[in-house]
Amino acid sequence: MNARSEYDIAFVGLKEGIHEFNYKIDRSFFENFESSPILDCDISVLLKFDKKNAFFLLDFQISGTVKLNCNRCNSELNYPIDGDFPVVVKMDGELPADALADQDVIYISRSETHLNVEQLLYEFINLTVPAYIVDCSNIPGKSCNQEVLNILNQLNQNNNNEKDPRWDSLKNIKFK
């Protein structure tokens, strides 16, 4: 993945204090990432960047909708997302030994002049998406595709009727 410069924050020229950055995320954002579960989206991100002397406080406020497939009937649906993700970025001469243990703190070299937030945006957006969407009926005004559900029910009934003869001999086992 090549980091895009539109997500670079040139913090060297910024004065200490809070700065706001707005990002509009759509389908083109996810083209740079392989195997993304998000088909399309309309997301707004407000990044509050609080610059301190030796560290930065970042607060990603994410809201919008993502287009996903229903896990029950595979229909496309627009799923609302909303999340708030704080991150601390510390400037350090060298990486501390326990740097990987703390996932809410990012360490960068004092020689850095830019911070690219593209990967953070991708990860935080994906964290707002549920791992499993039970069905379309969880979304107001949406219902599952009945044709697909009928086919799935028929397949399930056919599988329940067919018994595997290999397991019949286990029924004869007597337990004390």
N, C-alpha and C. Protein backbone atom coordinates (compact mmCIF):
# COMPACT_ATOMS: atom_id res chain seq x y z
N MET A 1 0.84 -1.17 0.00
CA MET A 1 0.00 0.00 0.00
C MET A 1 0.88 1.24 0.00
N ASN A 2 0.61 2.15 -0.91
CA ASN A 2 1.32 3.42 -0.96
C ASN A 2 0.49 4.47 -0.26
N ALA A 3 1.07 5.12 0.74
CA ALA A 3 0.35 6.15 1.49
C ALA A 3 0.13 7.37 0.59
N ARG A 4 -1.08 7.88 0.61
CA ARG A 4 -1.43 9.05 -0.21
C ARG A 4 -1.16 10.32 0.58
N SER A 5 -0.61 11.32 -0.09
CA SER A 5 -0.20 12.55 0.57
C SER A 5 -1.38 13.38 1.07
N GLU A 6 -2.57 13.16 0.54
CA GLU A 6 -3.73 13.93 1.01
C GLU A 6 -4.07 13.63 2.47
N TYR A 7 -3.50 12.55 3.01
CA TYR A 7 -3.72 12.19 4.41
C TYR A 7 -2.52 12.51 5.28
N ASP A 8 -1.55 13.27 4.72
CA ASP A 8 -0.39 13.71 5.48
C ASP A 8 -0.75 14.97 6.27
N ILE A 9 -0.28 15.01 7.49
CA ILE A 9 -0.43 16.21 8.32
C ILE A 9 0.98 16.72 8.59
N ALA A 10 1.28 17.90 8.07
CA ALA A 10 2.58 18.53 8.27
C ALA A 10 2.56 19.24 9.62
N PHE A 11 2.93 18.52 10.66
CA PHE A 11 2.80 19.06 12.02
C PHE A 11 3.92 20.01 12.41
N VAL A 12 5.01 20.04 11.65
CA VAL A 12 6.14 20.89 11.99
C VAL A 12 5.74 22.37 11.96
N GLY A 13 4.94 22.77 11.00
CA GLY A 13 4.55 24.17 10.88
C GLY A 13 3.36 24.57 11.73
N LEU A 14 2.74 23.63 12.41
CA LEU A 14 1.56 23.92 13.22
C LEU A 14 1.96 24.48 14.59
N LYS A 15 1.21 25.46 15.05
CA LYS A 15 1.41 25.98 16.40
C LYS A 15 0.80 25.00 17.40
N GLU A 16 1.25 25.09 18.65
CA GLU A 16 0.66 24.26 19.69
C GLU A 16 -0.80 24.63 19.86
N GLY A 17 -1.64 23.62 20.10
CA GLY A 17 -3.07 23.83 20.26
C GLY A 17 -3.85 22.87 19.39
N ILE A 18 -5.16 23.10 19.34
CA ILE A 18 -6.06 22.19 18.62
C ILE A 18 -6.23 22.67 17.17
N HIS A 19 -6.09 21.72 16.25
CA HIS A 19 -6.30 21.96 14.83
C HIS A 19 -7.29 20.92 14.33
N GLU A 20 -8.17 21.30 13.42
CA GLU A 20 -9.17 20.37 12.91
C GLU A 20 -8.93 20.08 11.44
N PHE A 21 -9.07 18.81 11.09
CA PHE A 21 -8.95 18.35 9.71
C PHE A 21 -10.20 17.56 9.38
N ASN A 22 -10.79 17.84 8.22
CA ASN A 22 -11.99 17.14 7.78
C ASN A 22 -11.65 16.27 6.58
N TYR A 23 -12.16 15.05 6.59
CA TYR A 23 -11.96 14.12 5.49
C TYR A 23 -13.31 13.58 5.04
N LYS A 24 -13.49 13.50 3.75
CA LYS A 24 -14.68 12.90 3.16
C LYS A 24 -14.21 11.59 2.53
N ILE A 25 -14.72 10.48 3.05
CA ILE A 25 -14.28 9.15 2.61
C ILE A 25 -15.35 8.53 1.73
N ASP A 26 -14.94 8.02 0.57
CA ASP A 26 -15.87 7.33 -0.33
C ASP A 26 -15.19 6.06 -0.87
N ARG A 27 -15.77 5.49 -1.89
CA ARG A 27 -15.28 4.23 -2.47
C ARG A 27 -13.80 4.30 -2.87
N SER A 28 -13.37 5.42 -3.40
CA SER A 28 -12.00 5.54 -3.89
C SER A 28 -10.96 5.36 -2.76
N PHE A 29 -11.33 5.70 -1.54
CA PHE A 29 -10.41 5.53 -0.41
C PHE A 29 -10.03 4.06 -0.25
N PHE A 30 -10.98 3.15 -0.42
CA PHE A 30 -10.76 1.73 -0.16
C PHE A 30 -10.10 1.00 -1.31
N GLU A 31 -9.92 1.66 -2.45
CA GLU A 31 -9.26 1.02 -3.59
C GLU A 31 -7.79 0.75 -3.31
N ASN A 32 -7.22 1.45 -2.36
CA ASN A 32 -5.81 1.29 -2.02
C ASN A 32 -5.58 0.14 -1.03
N PHE A 33 -6.66 -0.48 -0.56
CA PHE A 33 -6.56 -1.55 0.43
C PHE A 33 -7.16 -2.83 -0.15
N GLU A 34 -6.40 -3.92 -0.05
CA GLU A 34 -6.89 -5.20 -0.55
C GLU A 34 -7.86 -5.83 0.44
N SER A 35 -8.82 -6.56 -0.06
CA SER A 35 -9.76 -7.35 0.74
C SER A 35 -10.57 -6.53 1.74
N SER A 36 -10.94 -5.34 1.37
CA SER A 36 -11.76 -4.53 2.27
C SER A 36 -13.19 -5.05 2.25
N PRO A 37 -13.83 -5.18 3.43
CA PRO A 37 -15.21 -5.65 3.47
C PRO A 37 -16.21 -4.57 3.04
N ILE A 38 -15.76 -3.36 2.91
CA ILE A 38 -16.65 -2.24 2.58
C ILE A 38 -16.73 -2.08 1.07
N LEU A 39 -17.96 -2.18 0.53
CA LEU A 39 -18.16 -2.06 -0.90
C LEU A 39 -18.18 -0.60 -1.35
N ASP A 40 -18.82 0.24 -0.57
CA ASP A 40 -18.95 1.66 -0.87
C ASP A 40 -19.28 2.36 0.44
N CYS A 41 -19.13 3.67 0.48
CA CYS A 41 -19.42 4.38 1.72
C CYS A 41 -19.61 5.86 1.47
N ASP A 42 -20.17 6.50 2.46
CA ASP A 42 -20.29 7.95 2.52
C ASP A 42 -19.99 8.32 3.97
N ILE A 43 -18.72 8.65 4.24
CA ILE A 43 -18.26 8.84 5.61
C ILE A 43 -17.61 10.21 5.75
N SER A 44 -17.92 10.83 6.86
CA SER A 44 -17.27 12.09 7.24
C SER A 44 -16.40 11.83 8.46
N VAL A 45 -15.18 12.36 8.42
CA VAL A 45 -14.26 12.21 9.54
C VAL A 45 -13.80 13.59 9.97
N LEU A 46 -13.96 13.85 11.25
CA LEU A 46 -13.42 15.07 11.85
C LEU A 46 -12.25 14.63 12.72
N LEU A 47 -11.06 15.10 12.37
CA LEU A 47 -9.87 14.78 13.15
C LEU A 47 -9.47 16.02 13.94
N LYS A 48 -9.52 15.90 15.25
CA LYS A 48 -9.05 16.98 16.13
C LYS A 48 -7.62 16.63 16.51
N PHE A 49 -6.72 17.49 16.09
CA PHE A 49 -5.28 17.29 16.27
C PHE A 49 -4.79 18.29 17.30
N ASP A 50 -4.50 17.82 18.51
CA ASP A 50 -4.05 18.70 19.58
C ASP A 50 -2.53 18.56 19.69
N LYS A 51 -1.83 19.61 19.23
CA LYS A 51 -0.37 19.57 19.23
C LYS A 51 0.16 20.08 20.57
N LYS A 52 0.98 19.25 21.19
CA LYS A 52 1.70 19.60 22.42
C LYS A 52 3.18 19.66 22.10
N ASN A 53 3.99 19.90 23.09
CA ASN A 53 5.42 20.05 22.86
C ASN A 53 6.08 18.77 22.36
N ALA A 54 5.86 17.65 23.02
CA ALA A 54 6.54 16.40 22.67
C ALA A 54 5.58 15.30 22.23
N PHE A 55 4.30 15.61 22.13
CA PHE A 55 3.34 14.59 21.71
C PHE A 55 2.11 15.27 21.10
N PHE A 56 1.27 14.46 20.47
CA PHE A 56 0.03 14.94 19.87
C PHE A 56 -1.13 14.09 20.39
N LEU A 57 -2.26 14.70 20.57
CA LEU A 57 -3.49 13.98 20.90
C LEU A 57 -4.39 14.05 19.68
N LEU A 58 -4.72 12.91 19.12
CA LEU A 58 -5.60 12.84 17.96
C LEU A 58 -6.93 12.25 18.37
N ASP A 59 -8.00 12.84 17.88
CA ASP A 59 -9.33 12.32 18.16
C ASP A 59 -10.07 12.21 16.83
N PHE A 60 -10.29 10.98 16.37
CA PHE A 60 -11.00 10.72 15.12
C PHE A 60 -12.47 10.54 15.41
N GLN A 61 -13.32 11.40 14.86
CA GLN A 61 -14.76 11.29 15.01
C GLN A 61 -15.31 10.88 13.64
N ILE A 62 -15.82 9.66 13.57
CA ILE A 62 -16.23 9.05 12.30
C ILE A 62 -17.73 8.84 12.30
N SER A 63 -18.40 9.27 11.22
CA SER A 63 -19.85 9.02 11.09
C SER A 63 -20.20 8.94 9.62
N GLY A 64 -21.27 8.19 9.33
CA GLY A 64 -21.73 8.05 7.95
C GLY A 64 -22.37 6.69 7.74
N THR A 65 -22.34 6.24 6.49
CA THR A 65 -22.89 4.94 6.15
C THR A 65 -21.90 4.16 5.30
N VAL A 66 -21.92 2.85 5.45
CA VAL A 66 -21.11 1.95 4.63
C VAL A 66 -22.03 0.95 3.95
N LYS A 67 -21.67 0.56 2.76
CA LYS A 67 -22.45 -0.45 2.03
C LYS A 67 -21.82 -1.81 2.28
N LEU A 68 -22.62 -2.69 2.86
CA LEU A 68 -22.19 -4.05 3.21
C LEU A 68 -23.17 -5.06 2.65
N ASN A 69 -22.81 -6.32 2.73
CA ASN A 69 -23.72 -7.40 2.37
C ASN A 69 -24.30 -8.00 3.63
N CYS A 70 -25.60 -8.26 3.60
CA CYS A 70 -26.29 -8.93 4.71
C CYS A 70 -25.73 -10.35 4.83
N ASN A 71 -25.43 -10.77 6.06
CA ASN A 71 -24.91 -12.12 6.28
C ASN A 71 -25.97 -13.20 6.14
N ARG A 72 -27.21 -12.82 6.12
CA ARG A 72 -28.29 -13.80 6.03
C ARG A 72 -28.74 -14.02 4.59
N CYS A 73 -29.00 -12.93 3.84
CA CYS A 73 -29.53 -13.08 2.48
C CYS A 73 -28.60 -12.52 1.41
N ASN A 74 -27.48 -11.93 1.81
CA ASN A 74 -26.46 -11.38 0.92
C ASN A 74 -26.93 -10.15 0.14
N SER A 75 -27.99 -9.50 0.55
CA SER A 75 -28.43 -8.26 -0.10
C SER A 75 -27.52 -7.12 0.33
N GLU A 76 -27.34 -6.17 -0.58
CA GLU A 76 -26.57 -4.98 -0.22
C GLU A 76 -27.42 -4.09 0.68
N LEU A 77 -26.78 -3.51 1.68
CA LEU A 77 -27.50 -2.59 2.55
C LEU A 77 -26.56 -1.49 3.03
N ASN A 78 -27.16 -0.34 3.31
CA ASN A 78 -26.41 0.79 3.85
C ASN A 78 -26.49 0.71 5.37
N TYR A 79 -25.33 0.58 6.00
CA TYR A 79 -25.26 0.41 7.45
C TYR A 79 -24.70 1.68 8.08
N PRO A 80 -25.42 2.26 9.03
CA PRO A 80 -24.92 3.49 9.67
C PRO A 80 -23.77 3.17 10.65
N ILE A 81 -22.73 4.02 10.61
CA ILE A 81 -21.61 3.84 11.53
C ILE A 81 -21.36 5.15 12.28
N ASP A 82 -20.77 5.00 13.44
CA ASP A 82 -20.44 6.16 14.26
C ASP A 82 -19.38 5.71 15.27
N GLY A 83 -18.30 6.46 15.38
CA GLY A 83 -17.26 6.07 16.33
C GLY A 83 -16.35 7.22 16.66
N ASP A 84 -15.73 7.11 17.82
CA ASP A 84 -14.80 8.11 18.31
C ASP A 84 -13.54 7.37 18.76
N PHE A 85 -12.39 7.71 18.17
CA PHE A 85 -11.16 6.97 18.43
C PHE A 85 -10.02 7.92 18.81
N PRO A 86 -9.62 7.91 20.08
CA PRO A 86 -8.49 8.75 20.50
C PRO A 86 -7.16 8.01 20.31
N VAL A 87 -6.14 8.77 19.93
CA VAL A 87 -4.80 8.21 19.73
C VAL A 87 -3.78 9.22 20.27
N VAL A 88 -2.74 8.71 20.89
CA VAL A 88 -1.64 9.55 21.34
C VAL A 88 -0.44 9.26 20.43
N VAL A 89 0.18 10.31 19.92
CA VAL A 89 1.39 10.17 19.11
C VAL A 89 2.52 10.83 19.88
N LYS A 90 3.54 10.04 20.22
CA LYS A 90 4.69 10.56 20.96
C LYS A 90 5.89 10.64 20.05
N MET A 91 6.60 11.73 20.19
CA MET A 91 7.85 11.90 19.44
C MET A 91 8.98 11.44 20.34
N ASP A 92 9.81 10.54 19.83
CA ASP A 92 10.88 9.99 20.63
C ASP A 92 12.09 9.76 19.72
N GLY A 93 13.27 9.85 20.31
CA GLY A 93 14.50 9.63 19.55
C GLY A 93 14.62 8.19 19.08
N GLU A 94 14.22 7.27 19.95
CA GLU A 94 14.25 5.85 19.59
C GLU A 94 13.01 5.17 20.14
N LEU A 95 12.67 4.07 19.54
CA LEU A 95 11.47 3.34 19.91
C LEU A 95 11.66 2.65 21.26
N PRO A 96 10.78 2.94 22.25
CA PRO A 96 10.90 2.27 23.55
C PRO A 96 10.68 0.76 23.42
N ALA A 97 11.22 0.01 24.37
CA ALA A 97 11.11 -1.45 24.34
C ALA A 97 9.67 -1.91 24.43
N ASP A 98 8.82 -1.19 25.17
CA ASP A 98 7.42 -1.61 25.33
C ASP A 98 6.48 -0.88 24.36
N ALA A 99 7.00 -0.35 23.28
CA ALA A 99 6.21 0.44 22.34
C ALA A 99 5.09 -0.37 21.70
N LEU A 100 5.32 -1.64 21.43
CA LEU A 100 4.31 -2.45 20.76
C LEU A 100 3.22 -2.90 21.72
N ALA A 101 3.47 -2.83 23.02
CA ALA A 101 2.49 -3.28 24.00
C ALA A 101 1.31 -2.31 24.11
N ASP A 102 1.55 -1.04 23.90
CA ASP A 102 0.50 -0.03 24.03
C ASP A 102 -0.01 0.35 22.65
N GLN A 103 -1.21 -0.10 22.32
CA GLN A 103 -1.73 0.11 20.98
C GLN A 103 -2.41 1.46 20.79
N ASP A 104 -2.62 2.20 21.89
CA ASP A 104 -3.22 3.53 21.79
C ASP A 104 -2.17 4.62 21.70
N VAL A 105 -0.90 4.23 21.67
CA VAL A 105 0.19 5.19 21.56
C VAL A 105 1.02 4.83 20.33
N ILE A 106 1.25 5.82 19.50
CA ILE A 106 2.09 5.64 18.31
C ILE A 106 3.36 6.44 18.53
N TYR A 107 4.50 5.83 18.26
CA TYR A 107 5.78 6.50 18.43
C TYR A 107 6.33 6.87 17.06
N ILE A 108 6.80 8.11 16.94
CA ILE A 108 7.45 8.54 15.71
C ILE A 108 8.77 9.20 16.07
N SER A 109 9.67 9.25 15.12
CA SER A 109 10.99 9.84 15.33
C SER A 109 10.88 11.36 15.41
N ARG A 110 11.78 11.97 16.16
CA ARG A 110 11.82 13.44 16.25
C ARG A 110 12.18 14.08 14.91
N SER A 111 12.77 13.29 14.01
CA SER A 111 13.15 13.84 12.70
C SER A 111 11.98 13.86 11.71
N GLU A 112 10.85 13.24 12.06
CA GLU A 112 9.67 13.23 11.19
C GLU A 112 9.09 14.63 11.07
N THR A 113 8.53 14.92 9.89
CA THR A 113 7.89 16.22 9.67
C THR A 113 6.41 16.09 9.33
N HIS A 114 6.01 14.87 8.95
CA HIS A 114 4.62 14.61 8.56
C HIS A 114 4.11 13.36 9.28
N LEU A 115 2.81 13.33 9.48
CA LEU A 115 2.14 12.15 10.02
C LEU A 115 1.05 11.77 9.03
N ASN A 116 1.14 10.56 8.49
CA ASN A 116 0.12 10.10 7.55
C ASN A 116 -0.93 9.31 8.33
N VAL A 117 -2.20 9.71 8.22
CA VAL A 117 -3.28 9.10 9.00
C VAL A 117 -4.14 8.14 8.17
N GLU A 118 -3.73 7.84 6.95
CA GLU A 118 -4.54 6.99 6.07
C GLU A 118 -4.78 5.60 6.67
N GLN A 119 -3.75 4.95 7.17
CA GLN A 119 -3.90 3.61 7.74
C GLN A 119 -4.78 3.66 8.98
N LEU A 120 -4.61 4.69 9.80
CA LEU A 120 -5.46 4.84 10.99
C LEU A 120 -6.91 5.01 10.60
N LEU A 121 -7.19 5.82 9.58
CA LEU A 121 -8.57 6.00 9.11
C LEU A 121 -9.15 4.66 8.67
N TYR A 122 -8.39 3.91 7.89
CA TYR A 122 -8.86 2.61 7.41
C TYR A 122 -9.20 1.68 8.58
N GLU A 123 -8.30 1.59 9.55
CA GLU A 123 -8.52 0.69 10.69
C GLU A 123 -9.71 1.13 11.53
N PHE A 124 -9.83 2.42 11.79
CA PHE A 124 -10.93 2.90 12.63
C PHE A 124 -12.28 2.75 11.93
N ILE A 125 -12.32 2.98 10.64
CA ILE A 125 -13.58 2.79 9.90
C ILE A 125 -13.98 1.32 9.97
N ASN A 126 -13.02 0.43 9.79
CA ASN A 126 -13.33 -1.01 9.86
C ASN A 126 -13.73 -1.44 11.26
N LEU A 127 -13.25 -0.77 12.28
CA LEU A 127 -13.66 -1.10 13.65
C LEU A 127 -15.10 -0.69 13.92
N THR A 128 -15.63 0.25 13.17
CA THR A 128 -17.03 0.65 13.38
C THR A 128 -18.01 -0.30 12.69
N VAL A 129 -17.51 -1.13 11.80
CA VAL A 129 -18.35 -2.08 11.07
C VAL A 129 -18.51 -3.34 11.91
N PRO A 130 -19.73 -3.81 12.12
CA PRO A 130 -19.90 -5.03 12.92
C PRO A 130 -19.31 -6.24 12.19
N ALA A 131 -18.78 -7.18 12.96
CA ALA A 131 -18.20 -8.38 12.37
C ALA A 131 -19.28 -9.25 11.73
N TYR A 132 -20.49 -9.19 12.27
CA TYR A 132 -21.58 -10.00 11.75
C TYR A 132 -22.86 -9.18 11.80
N ILE A 133 -23.46 -8.99 10.64
CA ILE A 133 -24.74 -8.30 10.57
C ILE A 133 -25.80 -9.39 10.53
N VAL A 134 -26.58 -9.51 11.59
CA VAL A 134 -27.51 -10.62 11.71
C VAL A 134 -28.40 -10.71 10.48
N ASP A 135 -29.11 -9.66 10.18
CA ASP A 135 -29.90 -9.64 8.96
C ASP A 135 -30.35 -8.22 8.65
N CYS A 136 -30.94 -8.09 7.48
CA CYS A 136 -31.38 -6.78 7.00
C CYS A 136 -32.43 -6.15 7.91
N SER A 137 -33.17 -6.96 8.63
CA SER A 137 -34.25 -6.42 9.46
C SER A 137 -33.71 -5.55 10.60
N ASN A 138 -32.40 -5.61 10.84
CA ASN A 138 -31.80 -4.72 11.84
C ASN A 138 -31.69 -3.29 11.34
N ILE A 139 -31.87 -3.09 10.04
CA ILE A 139 -31.80 -1.76 9.44
C ILE A 139 -33.22 -1.27 9.22
N PRO A 140 -33.56 -0.10 9.73
CA PRO A 140 -34.92 0.42 9.54
C PRO A 140 -35.28 0.55 8.05
N GLY A 141 -36.48 0.08 7.70
CA GLY A 141 -36.95 0.16 6.32
C GLY A 141 -36.39 -0.89 5.39
N LYS A 142 -35.70 -1.89 5.91
CA LYS A 142 -35.08 -2.91 5.07
C LYS A 142 -35.52 -4.28 5.56
N SER A 143 -35.71 -5.22 4.64
CA SER A 143 -36.00 -6.60 5.03
C SER A 143 -35.22 -7.53 4.12
N CYS A 144 -35.00 -8.73 4.61
CA CYS A 144 -34.22 -9.70 3.84
C CYS A 144 -34.96 -10.14 2.58
N ASN A 145 -34.21 -10.55 1.59
CA ASN A 145 -34.72 -11.04 0.32
C ASN A 145 -35.41 -12.39 0.57
N GLN A 146 -36.76 -12.43 0.44
CA GLN A 146 -37.54 -13.64 0.75
C GLN A 146 -37.20 -14.80 -0.18
N GLU A 147 -36.89 -14.53 -1.45
CA GLU A 147 -36.55 -15.62 -2.38
C GLU A 147 -35.31 -16.36 -1.89
N VAL A 148 -34.30 -15.61 -1.48
CA VAL A 148 -33.06 -16.22 -1.00
C VAL A 148 -33.33 -17.00 0.29
N LEU A 149 -34.11 -16.43 1.20
CA LEU A 149 -34.43 -17.11 2.46
C LEU A 149 -35.19 -18.41 2.21
N ASN A 150 -36.12 -18.43 1.24
CA ASN A 150 -36.86 -19.65 0.90
C ASN A 150 -35.92 -20.72 0.38
N ILE A 151 -35.00 -20.35 -0.48
CA ILE A 151 -34.03 -21.32 -1.02
C ILE A 151 -33.16 -21.87 0.10
N LEU A 152 -32.71 -21.00 1.00
CA LEU A 152 -31.89 -21.45 2.13
C LEU A 152 -32.66 -22.40 3.04
N ASN A 153 -33.94 -22.12 3.28
CA ASN A 153 -34.77 -23.00 4.11
C ASN A 153 -34.95 -24.37 3.46
N GLN A 154 -35.15 -24.39 2.14
CA GLN A 154 -35.29 -25.67 1.43
C GLN A 154 -34.00 -26.48 1.53
N LEU A 155 -32.86 -25.83 1.35
CA LEU A 155 -31.58 -26.52 1.44
C LEU A 155 -31.36 -27.06 2.85
N ASN A 156 -31.73 -26.29 3.83
CA ASN A 156 -31.58 -26.71 5.22
C ASN A 156 -32.47 -27.91 5.53
N GLN A 157 -33.71 -27.92 5.02
CA GLN A 157 -34.62 -29.05 5.24
C GLN A 157 -34.10 -30.30 4.56
N ASN A 158 -33.56 -30.17 3.35
CA ASN A 158 -33.01 -31.32 2.64
C ASN A 158 -31.82 -31.90 3.40
N ASN A 159 -30.99 -31.04 3.98
CA ASN A 159 -29.83 -31.53 4.74
C ASN A 159 -30.26 -32.22 6.03
N ASN A 160 -31.34 -31.77 6.64
CA ASN A 160 -31.80 -32.38 7.88
C ASN A 160 -32.42 -33.74 7.64
N ASN A 161 -33.02 -33.96 6.47
CA ASN A 161 -33.66 -35.23 6.15
C ASN A 161 -32.65 -36.32 5.83
N GLU A 162 -31.53 -35.95 5.28
CA GLU A 162 -30.51 -36.93 4.92
C GLU A 162 -29.64 -37.22 6.13
N LYS A 163 -29.65 -38.51 6.56
CA LYS A 163 -28.84 -38.90 7.70
C LYS A 163 -27.63 -39.66 7.21
N ASP A 164 -26.55 -39.44 7.87
CA ASP A 164 -25.29 -40.08 7.50
C ASP A 164 -25.23 -41.45 8.17
N PRO A 165 -25.20 -42.54 7.39
CA PRO A 165 -25.22 -43.90 7.95
C PRO A 165 -23.99 -44.24 8.78
N ARG A 166 -22.92 -43.51 8.65
CA ARG A 166 -21.71 -43.79 9.43
C ARG A 166 -21.95 -43.61 10.92
N TRP A 167 -22.93 -42.81 11.28
CA TRP A 167 -23.16 -42.51 12.68
C TRP A 167 -24.18 -43.45 13.32
N ASP A 168 -24.84 -44.29 12.53
CA ASP A 168 -25.85 -45.20 13.06
C ASP A 168 -25.28 -46.20 14.06
N SER A 169 -24.06 -46.68 13.83
CA SER A 169 -23.47 -47.66 14.74
C SER A 169 -23.19 -47.05 16.12
N LEU A 170 -23.05 -45.75 16.22
CA LEU A 170 -22.82 -45.12 17.52
C LEU A 170 -24.06 -45.17 18.41
N LYS A 171 -25.23 -45.33 17.81
CA LYS A 171 -26.47 -45.40 18.59
C LYS A 171 -26.54 -46.69 19.42
N ASN A 172 -25.78 -47.70 19.03
CA ASN A 172 -25.81 -48.99 19.72
C ASN A 172 -24.86 -49.06 20.90
N ILE A 173 -24.12 -48.04 21.17
CA ILE A 173 -23.17 -48.04 22.28
C ILE A 173 -23.94 -47.93 23.59
N LYS A 174 -23.60 -48.82 24.52
CA LYS A 174 -24.24 -48.83 25.83
C LYS A 174 -23.27 -48.22 26.84
N PHE A 175 -23.75 -47.24 27.56
CA PHE A 175 -22.95 -46.58 28.59
C PHE A 175 -23.38 -47.10 29.95
N LYS A 176 -22.46 -47.27 30.87
CA LYS A 176 -22.75 -47.78 32.22
C LYS A 176 -23.22 -46.68 33.11
